[in-house]
């Protein structure tokens, strides 16, 4: 039996961060580079060994053992590491990969997310480091998510790792540090979910396992006293409401479907119920975060009887509020889409004409796609064609390109 490539990729995505978190807990953040190298070596070894000899009975334990041995072999080559070696207790069975988590945060992966979100690191570096180290994102995927270049991502990662070494960061943050880092951890979970909801990977446009992992970590966070706050509840509401629609977002051939094309009877009722429950919990207190508003928008879509009966004016109002709470030209773009649905495409175009977009958005495929659609619906085929070509040329994946080509089809 050989190892299917999808299985190895599954373990890369699911186990990479967990292995890094467990091993860093044993040897400290100072050795993060060595830990990452060891985990990568283990995954590469699995690719070859499993293809030749088949998947082992307990692949998780296999990966842990190989990564552990690789790491401590590297430590032995360095001076003054004997204390770490002597103190390390290695379990050789499957439970070694799933230790009984204790301490301030009950999950090692979530604990390491808090470490990567140290507020002494620049915000963009925190997010890049967490996505790379614990979520297994490649530099290209991170660059897409952060609207920057791969070279900039590499610089941010290098600086973040160097800063962590310089600071000699502890792997168990204090309660005060945990509270200060909640927003950064939420940003990572939000990006992790979004990568699952619409992946930038060419071969897999939707990755349910990433959405489920983001929700799982969010629920671990919400169960901890530090994370039991309205913004975390709102983020969970948002993720559950979007997760409910995943099974209806692809057609029989795997192509992406537009919201108006989706079969609402296939939306997951359990996730819709969970989303509504978390949104109710999020309403307690005076806090209004971006996640409250985004969850409110998601709820409008999730509980509308049909696309035509959606309360588009209310959605546009929520996007206007979101612009105020969390200023971003992306919110204006989405507000224009909602405005066009109830007031016509000209109203949407007028809204976009009010402000000059930043350079990164002016050339982004999503803005060109919106402009192409609005101009097409307004009857300006020449302008629609220009923006359509730009959108198709810059689309990040074949699945997105195919969706845009169908949506923006001209006579």
Protein backbone atom coordinates (compact mmCIF):
# COMPACT_ATOMS: atom_id res chain seq x y z
CA UNK A 1 0.00 0.00 0.00
CA UNK A 2 1.34 3.41 -0.92
CA UNK A 3 0.63 6.72 0.75
CA UNK A 4 -1.79 8.91 -1.20
CA UNK A 5 -0.36 12.41 -1.72
CA UNK A 6 -3.50 13.82 -0.12
CA UNK A 7 -2.75 11.93 3.09
CA UNK A 8 0.75 13.38 3.33
CA UNK A 9 -0.66 16.84 2.64
CA UNK A 10 -3.32 16.22 5.29
CA UNK A 11 -0.63 15.53 7.84
CA UNK A 12 1.42 18.49 6.70
CA UNK A 13 -1.53 20.77 7.37
CA UNK A 14 -2.90 19.11 10.48
CA UNK A 15 0.23 17.92 12.20
CA UNK A 16 2.85 20.48 11.21
CA UNK A 17 1.69 23.10 13.68
CA UNK A 18 0.96 20.57 16.40
CA UNK A 19 4.42 19.03 16.12
CA UNK A 20 6.07 22.46 16.18
CA UNK A 21 4.05 23.44 19.26
CA UNK A 22 4.82 20.26 21.21
CA UNK A 23 8.53 20.30 20.40
CA UNK A 24 8.93 24.02 21.12
CA UNK A 25 7.29 23.39 24.47
CA UNK A 26 10.06 20.87 25.21
CA UNK A 27 13.08 22.86 24.04
CA UNK A 28 11.99 26.52 24.00
CA UNK A 29 11.34 29.20 21.39
CA UNK A 30 15.08 29.83 21.16
CA UNK A 31 15.28 26.71 19.00
CA UNK A 32 12.28 27.45 16.78
CA UNK A 33 14.38 27.25 13.60
CA UNK A 34 15.69 23.80 14.56
CA UNK A 35 12.18 22.63 15.43
CA UNK A 36 10.78 23.76 12.08
CA UNK A 37 13.64 22.07 10.23
CA UNK A 38 13.08 18.84 12.16
CA UNK A 39 9.35 18.80 11.47
CA UNK A 40 9.92 19.54 7.80
CA UNK A 41 12.46 16.70 7.63
CA UNK A 42 9.97 14.34 9.25
CA UNK A 43 7.30 15.22 6.70
CA UNK A 44 9.73 14.76 3.83
CA UNK A 45 10.76 11.40 5.28
CA UNK A 46 7.10 10.40 5.47
CA UNK A 47 6.61 11.28 1.83
CA UNK A 48 9.31 8.80 0.79
CA UNK A 49 8.87 6.11 3.45
CA UNK A 50 5.09 5.89 3.21
CA UNK A 51 5.17 5.80 -0.57
CA UNK A 52 7.61 2.89 -0.45
CA UNK A 53 6.29 0.90 2.53
CA UNK A 54 2.77 2.15 3.12
CA UNK A 55 1.26 4.28 5.86
CA UNK A 56 2.24 3.10 9.36
CA UNK A 57 -0.42 1.96 11.81
CA UNK A 58 -0.03 5.17 13.81
CA UNK A 59 1.23 7.87 11.41
CA UNK A 60 1.01 10.62 14.06
CA UNK A 61 3.34 8.74 16.42
CA UNK A 62 5.65 7.97 13.49
CA UNK A 63 5.93 11.65 12.60
CA UNK A 64 6.53 12.68 16.19
CA UNK A 65 9.25 10.10 16.69
CA UNK A 66 11.11 11.07 13.50
CA UNK A 67 10.80 14.81 14.19
CA UNK A 68 11.88 14.35 17.81
CA UNK A 69 14.93 12.31 16.84
CA UNK A 70 15.86 14.81 14.13
CA UNK A 71 15.56 17.72 16.54
CA UNK A 72 17.58 16.22 19.35
CA UNK A 73 20.18 15.00 16.89
CA UNK A 74 20.59 18.62 15.79
CA UNK A 75 20.76 19.80 19.40
CA UNK A 76 23.53 17.31 20.15
CA UNK A 77 25.69 19.02 17.54
CA UNK A 78 25.51 22.31 19.41
CA UNK A 79 27.35 23.26 22.55
CA UNK A 80 25.71 23.60 25.97
CA UNK A 81 22.57 21.63 25.04
CA UNK A 82 23.08 18.65 27.38
CA UNK A 83 20.76 20.07 30.02
CA UNK A 84 17.89 20.04 27.55
CA UNK A 85 18.70 16.51 26.46
CA UNK A 86 18.90 15.22 30.01
CA UNK A 87 15.60 16.86 30.98
CA UNK A 88 13.63 15.63 27.96
CA UNK A 89 11.27 12.76 28.63
CA UNK A 90 10.31 10.95 25.44
CA UNK A 91 7.21 8.81 25.15
CA UNK A 92 7.47 6.28 22.32
CA UNK A 93 3.77 5.46 21.91
CA UNK A 94 0.91 7.28 20.26
CA UNK A 95 0.11 9.26 23.39
CA UNK A 96 3.43 11.06 23.02
CA UNK A 97 1.92 13.12 20.23
CA UNK A 98 -1.11 14.02 22.27
CA UNK A 99 0.21 14.91 25.72
CA UNK A 100 -2.23 15.90 28.42
CA UNK A 101 -2.15 19.62 28.00
CA UNK A 102 -1.94 21.76 31.13
CA UNK A 103 -1.13 25.32 32.07
CA UNK A 104 -2.65 28.62 31.10
CA UNK A 105 -3.95 27.39 27.74
CA UNK A 106 -5.19 23.81 27.42
CA UNK A 107 -4.04 23.16 23.85
CA UNK A 108 -0.38 23.26 22.82
CA UNK A 109 -1.12 24.62 19.37
CA UNK A 110 -3.18 27.45 20.82
CA UNK A 111 -0.48 28.09 23.42
CA UNK A 112 2.09 28.45 20.65
CA UNK A 113 -0.23 30.79 18.77
CA UNK A 114 -0.11 33.09 21.77
CA UNK A 115 3.69 32.87 21.76
CA UNK A 116 3.85 33.83 18.08
CA UNK A 117 1.49 36.73 18.79
CA UNK A 118 3.86 38.38 21.27
CA UNK A 119 2.96 42.07 21.20
CA UNK A 120 6.64 43.00 21.05
CA UNK A 121 6.65 41.72 17.45
CA UNK A 122 5.25 43.94 14.68
CA UNK A 123 1.61 42.98 13.91
CA UNK A 124 2.35 41.87 10.35
CA UNK A 125 5.24 39.72 11.58
CA UNK A 126 3.06 38.04 14.22
CA UNK A 127 0.49 36.99 11.65
CA UNK A 128 3.08 35.79 9.13
CA UNK A 129 4.95 33.80 11.78
CA UNK A 130 1.83 32.12 13.14
CA UNK A 131 0.51 31.23 9.70
CA UNK A 132 3.86 29.77 8.65
CA UNK A 133 4.96 28.07 11.84
CA UNK A 134 1.69 26.74 13.18
CA UNK A 135 -0.70 26.60 10.23
CA UNK A 136 1.77 25.31 7.66
CA UNK A 137 1.09 28.08 5.15
CA UNK A 138 3.64 28.58 2.38
CA UNK A 139 5.10 32.01 1.74
CA UNK A 140 2.95 32.39 -1.37
CA UNK A 141 -0.23 31.67 0.59
CA UNK A 142 0.76 34.15 3.29
CA UNK A 143 1.58 36.78 0.67
CA UNK A 144 -1.89 36.37 -0.86
CA UNK A 145 -3.55 36.72 2.53
CA UNK A 146 -1.53 39.77 3.56
CA UNK A 147 -1.66 41.48 0.14
CA UNK A 148 2.13 41.65 -0.11
CA UNK A 149 5.03 39.95 -1.89
CA UNK A 150 6.71 36.67 -1.00
CA UNK A 151 9.96 38.56 -0.46
CA UNK A 152 8.27 40.74 2.16
CA UNK A 153 6.85 37.65 3.85
CA UNK A 154 10.31 36.11 4.06
CA UNK A 155 11.69 39.31 5.61
CA UNK A 156 8.91 39.38 8.18
CA UNK A 157 9.48 35.74 9.11
CA UNK A 158 13.23 36.23 9.49
CA UNK A 159 12.77 39.30 11.67
CA UNK A 160 10.10 37.64 13.81
CA UNK A 161 12.21 34.57 14.54
CA UNK A 162 15.23 36.73 15.33
CA UNK A 163 13.15 38.89 17.67
CA UNK A 164 11.79 35.85 19.51
CA UNK A 165 15.34 34.59 20.05
CA UNK A 166 16.45 38.01 21.23
CA UNK A 167 13.58 38.26 23.69
CA UNK A 168 14.06 34.71 24.99
CA UNK A 169 10.28 34.36 24.99
CA UNK A 170 8.67 32.00 27.50
CA UNK A 171 6.39 29.31 26.05
CA UNK A 172 3.74 29.85 28.75
CA UNK A 173 2.60 33.49 28.60
CA UNK A 174 1.19 35.05 31.75
CA UNK A 175 -2.57 35.78 32.01
CA UNK A 176 -1.86 39.47 31.39
CA UNK A 177 0.13 38.61 28.24
CA UNK A 178 -2.62 36.28 27.08
CA UNK A 179 -5.23 39.03 27.36
CA UNK A 180 -3.02 41.46 25.44
CA UNK A 181 -2.62 38.97 22.58
CA UNK A 182 -6.25 37.95 22.08
CA UNK A 183 -6.73 40.23 19.06
CA UNK A 184 -3.66 38.86 17.28
CA UNK A 185 -4.71 35.26 17.92
CA UNK A 186 -8.16 36.05 16.55
CA UNK A 187 -6.55 37.46 13.39
CA UNK A 188 -4.68 34.19 12.86
CA UNK A 189 -7.80 32.07 13.36
CA UNK A 190 -9.70 34.36 10.98
CA UNK A 191 -7.00 33.94 8.30
CA UNK A 192 -6.86 30.19 8.86
CA UNK A 193 -10.62 29.92 8.37
CA UNK A 194 -10.54 32.14 5.28
CA UNK A 195 -7.85 29.99 3.69
CA UNK A 196 -10.15 27.02 4.14
CA UNK A 197 -13.21 28.88 2.90
CA UNK A 198 -11.54 30.07 -0.30
CA UNK A 199 -8.03 28.71 -0.66
CA UNK A 200 -5.31 30.35 -2.70
CA UNK A 201 -4.02 26.88 -3.58
CA UNK A 202 -4.66 25.99 -7.21
CA UNK A 203 -5.50 22.34 -6.56
CA UNK A 204 -8.01 22.76 -3.74
CA UNK A 205 -10.37 25.75 -3.74
CA UNK A 206 -12.15 24.80 -0.49
CA UNK A 207 -10.41 23.10 2.43
CA UNK A 208 -12.92 22.10 5.06
CA UNK A 209 -10.26 20.77 7.43
CA UNK A 210 -8.76 24.25 7.86
CA UNK A 211 -12.18 25.73 8.61
CA UNK A 212 -12.81 23.00 11.18
CA UNK A 213 -9.40 23.50 12.79
CA UNK A 214 -9.99 27.26 13.09
CA UNK A 215 -13.35 26.58 14.74
CA UNK A 216 -11.82 23.98 17.08
CA UNK A 217 -9.10 26.38 18.20
CA UNK A 218 -11.65 29.15 18.58
CA UNK A 219 -13.73 26.97 20.86
CA UNK A 220 -10.64 26.04 22.91
CA UNK A 221 -9.96 29.76 23.23
CA UNK A 222 -13.56 30.54 24.21
CA UNK A 223 -13.45 27.84 26.90
CA UNK A 224 -10.50 29.52 28.61
CA UNK A 225 -11.27 32.40 31.04
CA UNK A 226 -9.01 34.76 29.09
CA UNK A 227 -10.74 33.97 25.80
CA UNK A 228 -14.33 33.95 27.05
CA UNK A 229 -15.03 37.43 25.66
CA UNK A 230 -17.68 38.74 23.23
CA UNK A 231 -15.29 39.25 20.29
CA UNK A 232 -14.21 35.59 20.43
CA UNK A 233 -17.85 34.49 20.60
CA UNK A 234 -18.59 36.71 17.58
CA UNK A 235 -15.70 35.20 15.63
CA UNK A 236 -17.04 31.71 16.36
CA UNK A 237 -20.49 32.81 15.20
CA UNK A 238 -19.00 34.12 11.97
CA UNK A 239 -17.05 30.93 11.30
CA UNK A 240 -19.96 28.60 12.05
CA UNK A 241 -22.33 30.59 9.82
CA UNK A 242 -19.90 30.46 6.91
CA UNK A 243 -19.01 26.82 7.60
CA UNK A 244 -22.69 25.96 7.21
CA UNK A 245 -22.54 26.84 3.50
CA UNK A 246 -19.40 24.93 2.50
CA UNK A 247 -21.10 21.81 1.17
CA UNK A 248 -23.16 23.91 -1.25
CA UNK A 249 -20.32 26.05 -2.60
CA UNK A 250 -19.17 23.55 -5.25
CA UNK A 251 -20.99 21.91 -8.14
CA UNK A 252 -20.80 18.25 -9.15
CA UNK A 253 -17.50 18.83 -10.96
CA UNK A 254 -15.89 20.70 -8.05
CA UNK A 255 -16.34 24.17 -9.52
CA UNK A 256 -17.20 27.09 -7.27
CA UNK A 257 -20.79 28.31 -7.10
CA UNK A 258 -22.01 31.85 -6.55
CA UNK A 259 -24.21 32.58 -3.53
CA UNK A 260 -27.30 32.91 -5.72
CA UNK A 261 -26.56 29.51 -7.30
CA UNK A 262 -26.30 27.59 -4.02
CA UNK A 263 -28.93 25.11 -2.85
CA UNK A 264 -29.91 26.48 0.55
CA UNK A 265 -31.47 23.19 1.58
CA UNK A 266 -27.94 21.79 1.75
CA UNK A 267 -26.77 24.35 4.29
CA UNK A 268 -25.73 22.64 7.51
CA UNK A 269 -28.39 23.22 10.16
CA UNK A 270 -26.09 22.28 13.05
CA UNK A 271 -23.58 24.97 12.07
CA UNK A 272 -26.36 27.50 11.52
CA UNK A 273 -27.70 26.77 14.99
CA UNK A 274 -24.22 26.99 16.53
CA UNK A 275 -23.63 30.28 14.75
CA UNK A 276 -26.86 31.74 16.07
CA UNK A 277 -26.03 30.54 19.59
CA UNK A 278 -22.55 32.08 19.57
CA UNK A 279 -23.95 35.31 18.13
CA UNK A 280 -26.42 35.49 21.02
CA UNK A 281 -23.58 35.02 23.51
CA UNK A 282 -21.56 37.71 21.71
CA UNK A 283 -24.33 40.26 22.33
CA UNK A 284 -23.52 40.45 26.05
CA UNK A 285 -21.64 43.57 27.14
CA UNK A 286 -20.85 46.82 25.39
CA UNK A 287 -18.07 45.63 23.07
CA UNK A 288 -18.62 45.93 19.31
CA UNK A 289 -15.84 44.33 17.30
CA UNK A 290 -15.42 43.79 13.58
CA UNK A 291 -16.39 40.16 14.18
CA UNK A 292 -19.75 41.18 15.64
CA UNK A 293 -20.55 43.11 12.48
CA UNK A 294 -19.23 40.45 10.10
CA UNK A 295 -21.20 37.80 11.96
CA UNK A 296 -24.28 40.01 11.63
CA UNK A 297 -23.72 40.19 7.87
CA UNK A 298 -23.21 36.43 7.68
CA UNK A 299 -26.44 35.92 9.62
CA UNK A 300 -28.35 38.08 7.14
CA UNK A 301 -27.19 35.78 4.34
CA UNK A 302 -27.58 32.56 6.34
CA UNK A 303 -31.17 33.11 7.42
CA UNK A 304 -32.56 34.87 4.33
CA UNK A 305 -35.24 32.74 2.63
CA UNK A 306 -33.59 33.28 -0.75
CA UNK A 307 -31.01 35.41 -2.53
CA UNK A 308 -33.72 37.74 -3.83
CA UNK A 309 -35.28 38.10 -0.37
CA UNK A 310 -32.00 38.99 1.33
CA UNK A 311 -32.08 42.28 3.25
CA UNK A 312 -29.44 43.95 1.09
CA UNK A 313 -30.05 47.42 2.48
CA UNK A 314 -29.39 46.14 6.01
CA UNK A 315 -26.20 44.41 4.79
CA UNK A 316 -25.01 47.67 3.20
CA UNK A 317 -25.65 49.45 6.50
CA UNK A 318 -23.61 46.85 8.36
CA UNK A 319 -20.71 47.26 5.92
CA UNK A 320 -20.86 51.02 6.49
CA UNK A 321 -20.64 50.38 10.23
CA UNK A 322 -17.76 47.98 9.62
CA UNK A 323 -15.89 50.71 7.73
CA UNK A 324 -16.19 52.87 10.83
CA UNK A 325 -15.15 50.19 13.35
CA UNK A 326 -12.41 48.62 11.23
CA UNK A 327 -11.49 50.95 8.34
CA UNK A 328 -10.61 49.04 5.17
CA UNK A 329 -11.27 49.66 1.49
CA UNK A 330 -12.36 46.02 1.23
CA UNK A 331 -15.41 46.86 3.32
CA UNK A 332 -16.28 49.67 0.91
CA UNK A 333 -16.00 47.18 -1.96
CA UNK A 334 -18.44 44.78 -0.29
CA UNK A 335 -20.73 47.65 0.63
CA UNK A 336 -20.87 48.62 -3.04
CA UNK A 337 -21.91 45.06 -3.97
CA UNK A 338 -24.72 45.09 -1.41
CA UNK A 339 -25.81 48.60 -2.45
CA UNK A 340 -26.04 47.54 -6.07
CA UNK A 341 -28.42 44.72 -5.15
CA UNK A 342 -31.11 47.04 -3.76
CA UNK A 343 -30.31 50.42 -5.37
CA UNK A 344 -28.88 49.39 -8.73
CA UNK A 345 -25.36 49.06 -10.20
CA UNK A 346 -24.97 52.80 -10.73
CA UNK A 347 -25.33 53.37 -6.98
CA UNK A 348 -22.63 50.80 -6.32
CA UNK A 349 -20.29 52.42 -8.85
CA UNK A 350 -20.93 55.85 -7.35
CA UNK A 351 -19.95 54.57 -3.93
CA UNK A 352 -16.66 53.20 -5.26
CA UNK A 353 -15.95 56.48 -7.07
CA UNK A 354 -16.02 58.44 -3.80
CA UNK A 355 -12.51 57.40 -2.75
CA UNK A 356 -9.28 56.47 -4.51
CA UNK A 357 -8.34 52.89 -3.59
CA UNK A 358 -4.87 52.15 -2.19
CA UNK A 359 -2.34 50.79 -4.67
CA UNK A 360 -2.60 47.19 -3.47
CA UNK A 361 -6.37 47.13 -3.97
CA UNK A 362 -6.38 49.13 -7.21
CA UNK A 363 -4.63 46.23 -8.95
CA UNK A 364 -6.27 43.38 -7.02
CA UNK A 365 -8.46 40.96 -8.95
CA UNK A 366 -11.41 41.32 -6.56
CA UNK A 367 -11.86 45.03 -7.22
CA UNK A 368 -11.64 44.53 -10.98
CA UNK A 369 -14.20 41.72 -10.71
CA UNK A 370 -16.65 43.96 -8.84
CA UNK A 371 -16.15 46.83 -11.29
CA UNK A 372 -16.60 44.49 -14.26
CA UNK A 373 -19.84 43.15 -12.82
CA UNK A 374 -21.27 46.57 -11.96
CA UNK A 375 -20.34 48.10 -15.34
CA UNK A 376 -21.80 45.06 -17.11
CA UNK A 377 -25.07 45.38 -15.23
CA UNK A 378 -25.11 49.13 -15.90
CA UNK A 379 -24.78 48.49 -19.65
CA UNK A 380 -21.20 49.79 -20.07
CA UNK A 381 -19.72 46.80 -21.91
CA UNK A 382 -16.47 48.55 -22.83
CA UNK A 383 -15.55 49.30 -19.23
CA UNK A 384 -16.79 45.90 -18.11
CA UNK A 385 -14.56 44.18 -20.65
CA UNK A 386 -11.44 46.05 -19.48
CA UNK A 387 -12.01 45.17 -15.83
CA UNK A 388 -13.04 41.61 -16.69
CA UNK A 389 -9.75 40.96 -18.46
CA UNK A 390 -7.80 42.37 -15.52
CA UNK A 391 -9.75 40.25 -13.06
CA UNK A 392 -9.27 37.06 -15.06
CA UNK A 393 -5.57 37.73 -15.60
CA UNK A 394 -4.92 38.26 -11.88
CA UNK A 395 -7.24 35.59 -10.46
CA UNK A 396 -5.23 33.55 -7.92
CA UNK A 397 -6.48 30.08 -8.88
CA UNK A 398 -8.13 28.28 -11.83
CA UNK A 399 -11.28 27.76 -9.73
CA UNK A 400 -11.66 31.47 -9.05
CA UNK A 401 -10.88 32.27 -12.69
CA UNK A 402 -13.59 29.89 -13.89
CA UNK A 403 -16.10 31.38 -11.47
CA UNK A 404 -15.31 34.92 -12.62
CA UNK A 405 -15.47 33.95 -16.29
CA UNK A 406 -18.98 32.60 -15.77
CA UNK A 407 -20.12 35.49 -13.59
CA UNK A 408 -18.69 38.20 -15.84
CA UNK A 409 -19.66 36.70 -19.19
CA UNK A 410 -20.36 39.38 -21.77
CA UNK A 411 -22.64 39.20 -24.85
